[in-house]
Protein backbone atom coordinates (compact mmCIF):
# COMPACT_ATOMS: atom_id res chain seq x y z
CA MET A 1 -6.49 -17.82 -10.38
CA MET A 2 -6.07 -21.06 -8.69
CA LYS A 3 -8.69 -22.99 -7.27
CA VAL A 4 -8.66 -24.56 -4.38
CA LYS A 5 -8.80 -27.78 -5.24
CA GLU A 6 -6.01 -27.54 -7.37
CA LEU A 7 -4.23 -25.90 -4.00
CA ARG A 8 -4.95 -28.22 -1.76
CA LYS A 9 -3.36 -30.91 -4.43
CA LYS A 10 -0.23 -28.82 -4.02
CA LYS A 11 2.67 -30.08 -1.23
CA GLU A 12 3.30 -27.76 1.12
CA LYS A 13 7.19 -26.56 -0.22
CA GLU A 14 4.85 -25.62 -3.43
CA LEU A 15 2.94 -23.74 -1.47
CA GLU A 16 5.52 -21.49 -0.27
CA LYS A 17 7.23 -20.82 -3.04
CA LEU A 18 3.92 -20.13 -4.22
CA LEU A 19 3.01 -17.82 -1.13
CA GLU A 20 5.94 -15.92 -2.01
CA ASP A 21 5.53 -15.45 -5.41
CA LYS A 22 2.36 -13.65 -4.83
CA ARG A 23 3.83 -11.83 -2.27
CA LYS A 24 6.09 -10.15 -4.36
CA LYS A 25 4.02 -9.52 -7.52
CA LEU A 26 1.34 -7.99 -4.21
CA GLN A 27 4.10 -5.46 -3.78
CA GLU A 28 4.59 -4.95 -6.96
CA THR A 29 1.66 -4.09 -7.96
CA ARG A 30 0.53 -1.67 -4.61
CA PHE A 31 4.03 0.30 -6.15
CA ARG A 32 2.33 0.73 -9.80
CA LEU A 33 -0.70 1.45 -8.18
CA ALA A 34 0.73 4.06 -6.05
CA SER A 35 2.33 5.31 -9.44
CA GLY A 36 -0.84 5.01 -12.09
CA ARG A 37 0.66 2.30 -14.05
CA VAL A 38 -2.00 0.08 -13.45
CA LYS A 39 -5.02 -0.33 -16.01
CA ASN A 40 -6.46 -4.10 -13.71
CA VAL A 41 -7.29 -2.15 -10.09
CA LYS A 42 -8.61 -5.06 -9.16
CA GLU A 43 -5.37 -7.07 -9.80
CA ALA A 44 -4.26 -6.27 -6.16
CA ARG A 45 -7.97 -7.07 -4.39
CA ASN A 46 -7.37 -10.89 -6.67
CA LEU A 47 -3.73 -11.23 -5.22
CA ARG A 48 -5.29 -10.70 -1.81
CA LEU A 49 -6.87 -13.53 -2.16
CA GLU A 50 -4.77 -15.87 -3.25
CA ILE A 51 -2.65 -14.97 -0.65
CA SER A 52 -5.71 -15.80 2.29
CA ARG A 53 -6.35 -19.20 0.23
CA ILE A 54 -3.22 -20.23 0.61
CA LEU A 55 -2.52 -19.45 3.67
CA THR A 56 -5.56 -21.39 4.36
CA ILE A 57 -4.53 -24.30 3.19
CA LEU A 58 -0.99 -23.99 4.29
CA LYS A 59 -2.99 -24.12 7.96
CA GLU A 60 -5.30 -27.04 7.31
CA LYS A 61 -1.73 -29.05 6.60
CA SER A 62 -0.44 -28.07 10.11
CA TYR A 63 -3.43 -29.35 11.90
CA GLU A 64 -2.93 -32.55 9.20
CA LYS A 65 0.24 -33.77 10.78
């Protein structure tokens, strides 16, 4: 899991790419959860938290402009 300080250092394009990757991974994790093939059930929660952090930082950056 990335820390907020690390995320703030990234550029907007990097954050958007990271957000897209995390959303895809969350979708795959949800699919695996539904089929019962996931051992770490907290993985989906952690991904949602990371997505919300990225979205928050993107919003902050948009206010700075």
